[in-house]
Amino acid sequence: MSRARRILVLHLAGQYPLAGIGWQAVHYAAGLARLGHDVYYVDDSAAPPYDPRIRSVVEDCAYGVDFLRQTMERFGLGDRWAYLDLAHDRCYGLSRARLASLYREADALVNVCGATRLREEHLHCPVRIYVQTDPVHDQILLEHNNPGTQPILAAHTHHFTYGENLGQPDCPVPVRGFDWRPTRPPVVLDLWDPRFDPSTECFTTVGTWKNVSKDIRFAGETYYWSKHVNFLRFMDLPRLTSQPLELALEIDDPETRARLGERGWRLVDAFEKSRDVAAYQAHIQSSRGEFTVSKDLVVRTRSGWFSDRSVCYLAAGKPVVTQETGFSKFVPTGRGLFSFSTPEEAATAIDEINRDYADHCRAAREIAAGYFDSNRVLAELCRESGL
C-alpha cells in the first residue's frame, strides 16, 4: 500500500438504523482503517431518518444517532463519526466545523450505496468513489436518459459496482457513460470468529420481504427491486427437505404469513434480529446456515451481485445457499456456498451441506477469506482509485 490516506466513508447507517446496514458501514470504515488509512464515517444522506421500531420515516433522528454512536464505539470509531441533520442544521458526533474541514482535507471519499448526493463542499475532495451496492437500477436509468441520474454519478471520479457480471455477454444490462469496475462486499474477518456447532437447527435469513420503490421497466419487461417475488416462487421449499427454514423478514400481510406458515416456514421478528449489530451477529452465529433468495432485478439480469449479509454468514463459518445471479462465474460454489435456480436445486444443496456439515462450514470461512476479505477487496478498490 502507498502512504496512508485520509478517507471519509459516506453511508446511511444512522438514517436507516438496522444492523445489516450497520455492519456494511463497519466493514468499510474498520476495513479501511485496518489498511492503515485515517478513516472517518459520515452519515450525510440529507434523507429523513427511519425509525425501525415503528417502521416509519420520522423527523427526530435521536434513535438513529444513538444506533450510530453505539455501533461506531463498539468498533473503535467512537471519535470518528458524524451524523449531519440538514433539516435541523445540526451535526452529531463531530462538530459541523470539523466535518467541513474534513471535506476540505480528505484525500478520498467512499460513497457507499451512493447514499450521499454530493454537494459543492464534497467536491473539494479529489477522489470521489461511488460504490453501487445494488446494481442494474442506475444503469437502466442512464439508458432511459433519466435527467437526475447522470449528474449524480458524474460528481464522482470512480465508479464501482457489486454487479460483477455487468458488461458481459450473458448480462443484458446496458453499460454506458461510466467505467463501472467490479468490486465485492468486504468483510473484516477478525470481527467474525467462526462458530462451529453441529447442534444448530435452522437455516435462516434476515431482511426485507417487499420493496416497491425501485421497480423499473426495461426492454418491454418489468424488473422488481424486491425479493418477495422470488420467495413466493420458492414457497414450497420446506416440503422438499427436512431441514428447518426460518425467515426474519418484515411481512405485514396476514395472508402471506399464513401461507408461509402452512408450508413449513418458521417466521420470527425481523427487528429483534436487526436491532443492533450484536443481536444480528449472534443470530447469524447461532444459525446452521443461510437460505435466501435475491431481488428479481439482480437475478433475471444475471448481474453477478452477491449479498453483504451472505458474506457475514460465510465469515462466521455458516454455509450459504443463495439464488443464482451470475455470481458463480466469479466465486466458487459446491462447498460452503451453493447457488440455485429451482426449488429442487435448493433442496439438494441443503441436503448436501447436512451430509458433511463440518466440511461445508470450513469451506464457508475459506470462501469469505479468499474472495471477500476486506484487506483484499478494499486494497484493490483503493489501488484502482489511485490511492
Protein backbone atom coordinates (compact mmCIF):
# COMPACT_ATOMS: atom_id res chain seq x y z
CA MET A 1 0.00 0.00 0.00
CA SER A 2 1.13 3.57 -0.65
CA ARG A 3 1.07 6.15 2.12
CA ALA A 4 -1.88 6.35 4.49
CA ARG A 5 -4.73 8.47 3.19
CA ARG A 6 -7.48 10.37 4.92
CA ILE A 7 -10.68 8.68 3.74
CA LEU A 8 -14.30 9.55 4.50
CA VAL A 9 -16.85 6.75 4.30
CA LEU A 10 -20.24 8.24 3.38
CA HIS A 11 -23.16 5.98 4.20
CA LEU A 12 -26.60 5.79 5.84
CA ALA A 13 -26.37 3.63 8.98
CA GLY A 14 -27.79 6.45 11.11
CA GLN A 15 -30.50 7.37 8.64
CA TYR A 16 -31.54 3.71 8.32
CA PRO A 17 -30.54 2.18 11.67
CA LEU A 18 -30.73 -1.55 11.14
CA ALA A 19 -27.91 -3.96 11.87
CA GLY A 20 -27.31 -5.14 8.31
CA ILE A 21 -26.71 -1.53 7.27
CA GLY A 22 -24.60 -1.00 10.38
CA TRP A 23 -22.35 -3.93 9.55
CA GLN A 24 -21.96 -2.66 6.00
CA ALA A 25 -20.70 0.63 7.41
CA VAL A 26 -18.32 -1.12 9.80
CA HIS A 27 -16.79 -3.33 7.14
CA TYR A 28 -15.89 -0.30 5.04
CA ALA A 29 -14.78 2.03 7.83
CA ALA A 30 -12.97 -0.52 10.01
CA GLY A 31 -11.68 -2.33 6.94
CA LEU A 32 -10.06 0.79 5.51
CA ALA A 33 -8.65 1.65 8.94
CA ARG A 34 -7.03 -1.79 9.13
CA LEU A 35 -5.21 -0.96 5.91
CA GLY A 36 -3.60 1.94 7.76
CA HIS A 37 -5.79 4.76 6.48
CA ASP A 38 -7.07 7.68 8.56
CA VAL A 39 -10.80 6.93 8.35
CA TYR A 40 -13.92 8.84 9.35
CA TYR A 41 -17.52 7.73 8.95
CA VAL A 42 -20.10 10.34 7.85
CA ASP A 43 -23.87 9.97 7.61
CA ASP A 44 -24.79 12.83 5.27
CA SER A 45 -27.65 11.49 3.17
CA ALA A 46 -29.97 14.50 3.76
CA ALA A 47 -32.85 11.99 3.82
CA PRO A 48 -35.31 11.93 6.72
CA PRO A 49 -34.45 9.25 9.29
CA TYR A 50 -36.24 5.93 9.50
CA ASP A 51 -37.30 4.51 12.87
CA PRO A 52 -37.49 0.69 12.66
CA ARG A 53 -39.42 0.46 15.93
CA ILE A 54 -42.46 1.98 14.24
CA ARG A 55 -41.35 1.21 10.68
CA SER A 56 -41.80 4.76 9.52
CA VAL A 57 -39.88 7.82 8.44
CA VAL A 58 -39.72 10.33 11.31
CA GLU A 59 -38.44 13.85 11.96
CA ASP A 60 -36.42 13.10 15.08
CA CYS A 61 -33.05 11.49 14.35
CA ALA A 62 -32.33 10.59 18.00
CA TYR A 63 -32.83 6.84 17.58
CA GLY A 64 -30.60 6.66 14.51
CA VAL A 65 -27.90 8.83 16.08
CA ASP A 66 -27.83 6.61 19.16
CA PHE A 67 -27.63 3.49 16.99
CA LEU A 68 -24.77 5.01 15.02
CA ARG A 69 -22.92 6.13 18.16
CA GLN A 70 -23.11 2.69 19.74
CA THR A 71 -22.03 0.98 16.53
CA MET A 72 -19.03 3.22 15.98
CA GLU A 73 -17.94 2.99 19.63
CA ARG A 74 -18.14 -0.80 19.51
CA PHE A 75 -15.55 -0.91 16.75
CA GLY A 76 -13.12 1.75 17.91
CA LEU A 77 -14.53 4.60 15.85
CA GLY A 78 -16.22 6.44 18.70
CA ASP A 79 -14.50 9.76 17.97
CA ARG A 80 -14.55 9.36 14.19
CA TRP A 81 -18.15 9.66 13.10
CA ALA A 82 -20.65 12.36 12.21
CA TYR A 83 -24.37 12.47 11.54
CA LEU A 84 -25.40 15.61 9.69
CA ASP A 85 -29.06 16.53 10.21
CA LEU A 86 -29.50 19.10 7.46
CA ALA A 87 -33.23 19.51 8.14
CA HIS A 88 -32.47 20.93 11.59
CA ASP A 89 -28.96 22.24 10.83
CA ARG A 90 -27.33 20.07 13.49
CA CYS A 91 -24.30 17.80 13.45
CA TYR A 92 -23.84 14.93 15.90
CA GLY A 93 -20.58 13.24 16.75
CA LEU A 94 -18.03 15.51 15.11
CA SER A 95 -18.78 19.23 15.06
CA ARG A 96 -20.03 20.85 11.87
CA ALA A 97 -16.80 22.84 11.68
CA ARG A 98 -14.70 19.68 11.97
CA LEU A 99 -16.78 17.95 9.31
CA ALA A 100 -16.36 20.91 6.98
CA SER A 101 -12.59 20.77 7.45
CA LEU A 102 -12.57 17.04 6.72
CA TYR A 103 -14.39 17.64 3.45
CA ARG A 104 -11.61 20.09 2.52
CA GLU A 105 -8.71 17.94 3.73
CA ALA A 106 -9.69 14.38 2.82
CA ASP A 107 -7.81 12.51 0.12
CA ALA A 108 -10.87 10.46 -0.82
CA LEU A 109 -14.48 9.83 -0.01
CA VAL A 110 -16.16 6.47 -0.49
CA ASN A 111 -19.88 6.95 -1.11
CA VAL A 112 -21.25 3.52 -0.17
CA CYS A 113 -24.68 2.80 -1.70
CA GLY A 114 -24.45 6.26 -3.29
CA ALA A 115 -26.05 7.33 -0.01
CA THR A 116 -24.94 10.95 -0.29
CA ARG A 117 -25.85 13.24 -3.15
CA LEU A 118 -22.64 15.21 -3.43
CA ARG A 119 -22.76 18.95 -2.79
CA GLU A 120 -20.20 21.64 -3.52
CA GLU A 121 -18.39 21.03 -0.23
CA HIS A 122 -17.81 17.38 -1.15
CA LEU A 123 -16.22 18.31 -4.47
CA HIS A 124 -13.10 19.65 -2.75
CA CYS A 125 -12.12 16.03 -2.26
CA PRO A 126 -10.01 14.94 -5.27
CA VAL A 127 -11.04 11.25 -5.28
CA ARG A 128 -14.78 10.59 -5.01
CA ILE A 129 -15.68 6.90 -5.17
CA TYR A 130 -19.23 5.70 -5.88
CA VAL A 131 -19.90 2.16 -4.60
CA GLN A 132 -23.05 0.74 -6.17
CA THR A 133 -24.19 -1.99 -3.79
CA ASP A 134 -27.45 -2.59 -5.70
CA PRO A 135 -26.60 -2.85 -9.39
CA VAL A 136 -28.74 -2.51 -12.52
CA HIS A 137 -31.16 0.25 -11.47
CA ASP A 138 -28.71 3.10 -12.16
CA GLN A 139 -27.64 1.54 -15.44
CA ILE A 140 -31.22 1.30 -16.72
CA LEU A 141 -31.99 4.86 -15.62
CA LEU A 142 -28.97 6.01 -17.63
CA GLU A 143 -30.22 4.06 -20.64
CA HIS A 144 -33.58 5.84 -20.23
CA ASN A 145 -31.77 9.20 -20.11
CA ASN A 146 -33.19 9.92 -16.68
CA PRO A 147 -32.26 13.57 -16.08
CA GLY A 148 -31.28 13.13 -12.43
CA THR A 149 -29.06 10.07 -12.64
CA GLN A 150 -26.22 11.27 -14.86
CA PRO A 151 -25.21 14.32 -12.78
CA ILE A 152 -25.34 12.32 -9.53
CA LEU A 153 -22.91 9.77 -10.93
CA ALA A 154 -20.79 12.33 -12.78
CA ALA A 155 -19.99 14.06 -9.49
CA HIS A 156 -17.79 11.06 -8.68
CA THR A 157 -14.37 10.27 -10.11
CA HIS A 158 -14.54 6.47 -9.83
CA HIS A 159 -17.45 4.04 -10.05
CA PHE A 160 -17.58 0.53 -8.57
CA THR A 161 -20.42 -1.98 -8.57
CA TYR A 162 -21.36 -5.24 -6.88
CA GLY A 163 -22.70 -6.26 -10.29
CA GLU A 164 -19.63 -8.26 -11.20
CA ASN A 165 -21.19 -9.59 -14.40
CA LEU A 166 -22.25 -6.22 -15.85
CA GLY A 167 -20.93 -5.74 -19.35
CA GLN A 168 -20.64 -9.48 -20.04
CA PRO A 169 -22.43 -11.14 -22.99
CA ASP A 170 -24.86 -13.05 -20.76
CA CYS A 171 -25.95 -9.90 -18.91
CA PRO A 172 -28.45 -7.74 -20.87
CA VAL A 173 -27.96 -4.62 -18.75
CA PRO A 174 -26.63 -1.70 -20.83
CA VAL A 175 -23.37 -0.26 -19.53
CA ARG A 176 -22.54 3.16 -20.89
CA GLY A 177 -21.40 6.57 -19.76
CA PHE A 178 -19.23 5.42 -16.86
CA ASP A 179 -16.39 2.97 -16.29
CA TRP A 180 -18.08 0.55 -13.89
CA ARG A 181 -15.44 -1.54 -12.14
CA PRO A 182 -16.42 -4.71 -10.27
CA THR A 183 -15.98 -4.93 -6.53
CA ARG A 184 -17.34 -7.20 -3.82
CA PRO A 185 -18.84 -6.69 -0.37
CA PRO A 186 -15.92 -6.61 2.08
CA VAL A 187 -15.89 -8.37 5.43
CA VAL A 188 -13.45 -7.74 8.29
CA LEU A 189 -12.66 -11.33 9.10
CA ASP A 190 -11.37 -10.82 12.65
CA LEU A 191 -14.77 -9.42 13.62
CA TRP A 192 -16.43 -12.73 12.70
CA ASP A 193 -14.93 -15.63 14.60
CA PRO A 194 -16.30 -18.85 13.09
CA ARG A 195 -18.58 -20.71 15.49
CA PHE A 196 -18.88 -24.40 14.63
CA ASP A 197 -21.83 -26.01 16.36
CA PRO A 198 -23.31 -29.14 14.76
CA SER A 199 -26.37 -28.88 17.01
CA THR A 200 -27.62 -25.65 15.38
CA GLU A 201 -31.04 -26.21 13.89
CA CYS A 202 -32.26 -23.64 11.35
CA PHE A 203 -31.10 -22.23 8.07
CA THR A 204 -32.06 -18.58 8.44
CA THR A 205 -32.00 -15.22 6.73
CA VAL A 206 -32.70 -11.63 7.73
CA GLY A 207 -34.00 -8.81 5.58
CA THR A 208 -36.92 -7.11 3.90
CA TRP A 209 -39.76 -9.07 2.32
CA LYS A 210 -41.01 -6.46 -0.12
CA ASN A 211 -39.63 -3.26 -1.65
CA VAL A 212 -41.67 -1.26 -4.14
CA SER A 213 -39.77 1.98 -4.68
CA LYS A 214 -37.41 0.97 -7.49
CA ASP A 215 -39.27 -1.39 -9.80
CA ILE A 216 -38.28 -0.49 -13.35
CA ARG A 217 -39.20 -1.21 -16.97
CA PHE A 218 -36.56 -2.29 -19.44
CA ALA A 219 -36.80 -3.88 -22.90
CA GLY A 220 -40.54 -4.37 -22.50
CA GLU A 221 -40.35 -6.11 -19.13
CA THR A 222 -40.79 -5.05 -15.52
CA TYR A 223 -37.95 -5.85 -13.14
CA TYR A 224 -38.79 -5.86 -9.45
CA TRP A 225 -36.45 -4.35 -6.86
CA SER A 226 -37.75 -6.83 -4.32
CA LYS A 227 -37.22 -10.35 -3.00
CA HIS A 228 -40.83 -11.24 -2.37
CA VAL A 229 -41.49 -12.32 -5.94
CA ASN A 230 -38.76 -14.94 -5.63
CA PHE A 231 -39.69 -16.06 -2.12
CA LEU A 232 -43.17 -16.74 -3.49
CA ARG A 233 -41.64 -18.92 -6.21
CA PHE A 234 -39.88 -20.99 -3.54
CA MET A 235 -42.72 -21.07 -1.05
CA ASP A 236 -42.97 -24.88 -1.17
CA LEU A 237 -39.27 -25.48 -0.44
CA PRO A 238 -39.84 -26.73 3.15
CA ARG A 239 -41.82 -29.62 1.68
CA LEU A 240 -38.73 -30.75 -0.26
CA THR A 241 -36.35 -31.02 2.70
CA SER A 242 -36.45 -32.00 6.35
CA GLN A 243 -34.21 -29.02 7.18
CA PRO A 244 -36.00 -26.32 9.27
CA LEU A 245 -36.05 -22.97 7.44
CA GLU A 246 -36.55 -19.67 9.24
CA LEU A 247 -37.28 -16.19 7.88
CA ALA A 248 -36.69 -12.97 9.81
CA LEU A 249 -38.48 -10.70 7.35
CA GLU A 250 -40.90 -7.80 7.71
CA ILE A 251 -44.08 -9.39 6.36
CA ASP A 252 -47.16 -7.29 7.04
CA ASP A 253 -49.78 -9.23 5.12
CA PRO A 254 -51.50 -11.80 7.41
CA GLU A 255 -52.48 -13.94 4.43
CA THR A 256 -48.88 -14.18 3.25
CA ARG A 257 -47.67 -15.04 6.75
CA ALA A 258 -50.33 -17.74 7.00
CA ARG A 259 -49.40 -19.23 3.63
CA LEU A 260 -45.72 -19.37 4.57
CA GLY A 261 -46.51 -20.94 7.92
CA GLU A 262 -48.76 -23.56 6.35
CA ARG A 263 -45.93 -24.60 4.04
CA GLY A 264 -43.49 -25.06 6.90
CA TRP A 265 -41.55 -21.80 7.12
CA ARG A 266 -40.69 -20.55 10.60
CA LEU A 267 -41.30 -16.81 10.90
CA VAL A 268 -39.57 -14.67 13.53
CA ASP A 269 -39.44 -10.95 14.30
CA ALA A 270 -37.04 -9.23 11.91
CA PHE A 271 -36.45 -6.21 14.15
CA GLU A 272 -35.38 -8.36 17.10
CA LYS A 273 -32.64 -9.87 14.95
CA SER A 274 -31.62 -6.49 13.49
CA ARG A 275 -32.00 -4.05 16.38
CA ASP A 276 -28.21 -3.76 16.81
CA VAL A 277 -25.03 -5.24 15.38
CA ALA A 278 -24.56 -7.59 18.35
CA ALA A 279 -28.02 -9.16 18.01
CA TYR A 280 -27.54 -9.55 14.26
CA GLN A 281 -24.17 -11.23 14.70
CA ALA A 282 -25.47 -13.53 17.43
CA HIS A 283 -28.34 -14.58 15.18
CA ILE A 284 -26.01 -15.46 12.33
CA GLN A 285 -23.57 -17.29 14.60
CA SER A 286 -26.39 -19.38 16.09
CA SER A 287 -27.76 -20.34 12.66
CA ARG A 288 -26.96 -23.57 10.87
CA GLY A 289 -26.52 -21.70 7.60
CA GLU A 290 -28.33 -19.29 5.32
CA PHE A 291 -31.01 -19.94 2.76
CA THR A 292 -32.14 -16.88 0.83
CA VAL A 293 -33.37 -15.60 -2.49
CA SER A 294 -32.32 -12.37 -4.20
CA LYS A 295 -34.11 -9.40 -5.71
CA ASP A 296 -35.75 -10.08 -9.04
CA LEU A 297 -33.81 -7.20 -10.60
CA VAL A 298 -30.39 -8.77 -9.97
CA VAL A 299 -31.48 -12.35 -10.68
CA ARG A 300 -33.12 -12.06 -14.09
CA THR A 301 -30.41 -9.75 -15.41
CA ARG A 302 -27.61 -12.11 -14.28
CA SER A 303 -25.88 -9.12 -12.74
CA GLY A 304 -23.36 -11.13 -10.71
CA TRP A 305 -24.46 -9.46 -7.46
CA PHE A 306 -23.65 -11.04 -4.10
CA SER A 307 -25.07 -10.12 -0.71
CA ASP A 308 -23.03 -8.49 2.05
CA ARG A 309 -25.29 -10.30 4.54
CA SER A 310 -24.40 -13.65 2.99
CA VAL A 311 -20.74 -12.70 3.29
CA CYS A 312 -21.29 -12.34 7.05
CA TYR A 313 -22.68 -15.88 7.20
CA LEU A 314 -19.68 -17.18 5.27
CA ALA A 315 -17.24 -15.34 7.54
CA ALA A 316 -18.97 -16.88 10.57
CA GLY A 317 -18.36 -20.32 9.06
CA LYS A 318 -22.01 -20.81 8.10
CA PRO A 319 -22.76 -22.38 4.71
CA VAL A 320 -24.88 -20.32 2.33
CA VAL A 321 -27.50 -21.44 -0.20
CA THR A 322 -28.46 -18.43 -2.30
CA GLN A 323 -30.18 -17.73 -5.58
CA GLU A 324 -28.04 -17.60 -8.69
CA THR A 325 -27.40 -14.10 -10.04
CA GLY A 326 -24.38 -14.97 -12.16
CA PHE A 327 -22.03 -14.72 -9.16
CA SER A 328 -20.93 -18.34 -9.55
CA LYS A 329 -18.81 -17.27 -12.54
CA PHE A 330 -16.56 -15.44 -10.09
CA VAL A 331 -16.89 -17.18 -6.72
CA PRO A 332 -16.64 -20.99 -6.42
CA THR A 333 -19.71 -22.96 -5.43
CA GLY A 334 -20.28 -26.54 -4.36
CA ARG A 335 -18.53 -26.43 -0.96
CA GLY A 336 -19.69 -23.97 1.70
CA LEU A 337 -21.56 -21.90 -0.89
CA PHE A 338 -24.25 -23.11 -3.28
CA SER A 339 -26.25 -21.33 -5.97
CA PHE A 340 -29.66 -22.45 -7.16
CA SER A 341 -32.31 -21.56 -9.71
CA THR A 342 -35.04 -24.07 -8.83
CA PRO A 343 -36.57 -25.35 -5.58
CA GLU A 344 -35.14 -28.79 -6.29
CA GLU A 345 -31.62 -27.38 -6.62
CA ALA A 346 -32.02 -25.50 -3.34
CA ALA A 347 -33.22 -28.61 -1.51
CA THR A 348 -30.38 -30.68 -2.94
CA ALA A 349 -27.84 -28.08 -1.80
CA ILE A 350 -29.22 -28.01 1.74
CA ASP A 351 -29.16 -31.80 1.97
CA GLU A 352 -25.60 -31.87 0.62
CA ILE A 353 -24.47 -29.45 3.33
CA ASN A 354 -26.05 -31.57 6.04
CA ARG A 355 -24.29 -34.71 4.78
CA ASP A 356 -20.89 -33.23 5.72
CA TYR A 357 -21.70 -30.18 7.77
CA ALA A 358 -18.23 -29.69 9.27
CA ASP A 359 -16.54 -29.63 5.87
CA HIS A 360 -19.02 -27.12 4.46
CA CYS A 361 -18.56 -24.87 7.50
CA ARG A 362 -14.80 -24.84 6.95
CA ALA A 363 -15.32 -24.15 3.26
CA ALA A 364 -17.67 -21.25 4.00
CA ARG A 365 -14.99 -19.47 6.03
CA GLU A 366 -12.40 -20.23 3.34
CA ILE A 367 -14.59 -18.56 0.70
CA ALA A 368 -15.02 -15.48 2.88
CA ALA A 369 -11.25 -15.29 3.36
CA GLY A 370 -10.41 -15.96 -0.26
CA TYR A 371 -12.95 -13.74 -2.01
CA PHE A 372 -14.39 -11.15 0.39
CA ASP A 373 -11.62 -10.31 2.89
CA SER A 374 -11.70 -6.54 3.41
CA ASN A 375 -7.89 -6.42 3.29
CA ARG A 376 -8.01 -7.64 -0.29
CA VAL A 377 -11.27 -6.08 -1.52
CA LEU A 378 -10.61 -2.60 -0.14
CA ALA A 379 -6.93 -2.58 -1.06
CA GLU A 380 -7.95 -3.26 -4.66
CA LEU A 381 -10.63 -0.56 -4.54
CA CYS A 382 -8.03 1.94 -3.29
CA ARG A 383 -5.45 0.85 -5.83
CA GLU A 384 -7.88 1.17 -8.75
CA SER A 385 -8.83 4.64 -7.48
CA GLY A 386 -5.21 5.81 -7.45
CA LEU A 387 -4.86 5.86 -3.66
